[in-house]
Amino acid sequence: MKGDFARVTFDPALHYSQVFQQQGRVLLEADWNEQASIQLDLLRTLARDLVGPCWAAGSGFVVTLQAHAGDWQLAAGHFYVDGILCVNESTCTLATQPHAPIPDAGLIDDPPASVALYLDVWERHLSSLEAPGVNDIALNGVDTASRSQVIWQARLLDTDAEHVGAPLDDTRAAIELRLQAAATDAEKAICKQQLADLDKLSDRLGGQRAGDDPCVLLGQVLGARASYAWPRMRAQLGPVEADSDPCVIAADARYRGCENQLYRVEVHQGGLAGSEDAPGGASFKWSRENGSVIFPVLGAASSQNADGSAQLTVTLGHLGRDQRLGLAVNDWVELIDDSYTLAQRALPLLQVGAIDATNRILTLTVPKNLAPYLPGADAHPLLRRWDQRNDLTEQGTVALAEGEAIDLEDGIQITFEPGGQYATGDYWLIPARVGGNGTLDWPQTAGTAAAMKSRGMHHRAVLGTTGDDGAYHECCCRFDSLCALLKGNTRRLAPNRAGRPRREP
């Protein structure tokens, strides 16, 4: 959620049931947002516990096969994934689903013989630039609250025996990295058991035994990252390097920024962490404003330089309210629109080369041999600023290395725990506070920074599978309304001739 927030306080592990406002107190947006999150978590947990993690209401999301996979139809209705309501307003096809384009659209164009159809569900934060309707025109462009939108995407998974286990390869490699870094026998035993579980799952995928439910096995494949390799990170304050002068005392570890900030660390390129033996793995970017510094794009044009690199000229609607929320030469930015976000892309970032403040025109440097992404004029294009500056890759991001402290700025350090399987969009939030002599609002365990799971994990549910015979087998549970179930009950009460109720078969 890339909003202008002070902090995000909701934690389901605390089991809070309500937020109480008190008279004469300062009202913070974090309290209001936490109350909404408490209620939303309650409703979703209730739906999941009562009915199950994957179910459809009535005929919602019924699949009708056609000759071409892109023409497969999804019926209008409701579907619940981990308690999250997914709504299909009207019958659509895989090619025309409402939240297209999907990341693996090529698989729909040329599907394998046997596939699984599944829902990929996540929540997208929408600013006033991406959802202009949330603004009141009476405020003349001043934005207020933002929105969260449930995104569901129907995607295909190759279930051929040679490919169905491929998604588990990175998960297995992540566990092996965690095993190498394990410091205790208990940690090693857990890793070895997880590897044995993955091997067993792979064997069952390769040759299913009698009684194996392919829907259950595929669900385990789609949930392997969350079950075995959920990324974790620590945030801490690093000490200032000692001065060479023996008369100068080194400062204590503290946040040295001048303002309260909400730092956002977000995975850019997914995969496994890089290493000396295998560089070029996952990468990340960070923002001291939770990624909320954005600018409306009015137009973009690309031109070619003599050295083969491209140059992008972008016209913005404004250049920010002030210097802190504005742009400067050498800043790294991301040019995006609705299609870029829905396709979950992670293209190289662009660097600001020049700024024409009078005409609100930026000149962006594009890496060589790369065709820049040009956003659609009607797809809510915007430019997002990121704040990393040092030790960057050619893509303008920071290489993600595990097990070692990485400096952000003003004393803030982060450490990725070994054994994570990273995906584009995974993120962590770090509230940094000037008060308390410069501190981080980060959970502690036994006096040290706790390893926290990333936010933004997607939820997935298998709708059904097709085999070599081309037949479709539905995987989800269907649950009608209680009223419809009662009406359909064949053992209902009916009056007899004497006026007394009787049961009819």
Foldseek 3Di string as FASTA:
>chain_A
DLAQALDAPADVVVVDQAQDDDPPDDDGVNSVVNRVVNVLVVQLQVVCVPPHQWAFADQFQPWDDDPAQQAIKGAFGWIHHSSDIDGQHGIDGLNPGPQDDAQPVVCRRPPDLKKFKKKWKFKDKAFCLQVVVQDDCVVVPDGDDTDIDIDIHIDIDDLDLVGLLVLCPLLLVLLVFLCVVDDDPVSVVVSVVLNVVSVVLNVCSNPPDPPDDVQVSSQCSVCSQVVRFFWWKFKDFDWDDDDPPPVDDTDGGFQQDPAWFKKKKFKQAFFAAADPVRPDHTFIFMARSSQHLKWFWQFKDKDADPVQWIKMKTATPAQDDDPVSGDDFQWWKDKDFSNCVNSLHRFQTWGFHDADRVRRMTITTGDGPDDDDTDDNPRSIMMITTDADPCADPSRTHRDDADDWDDGDRRMTMHIHGSHGTGGGFMDIWTWHPPPVHGIPADDDPRGGDIDGTPTDITMHTQWMADSVRDTDGDHHYDYDPVVVVVPDQFDWDADPVRHIDTGD
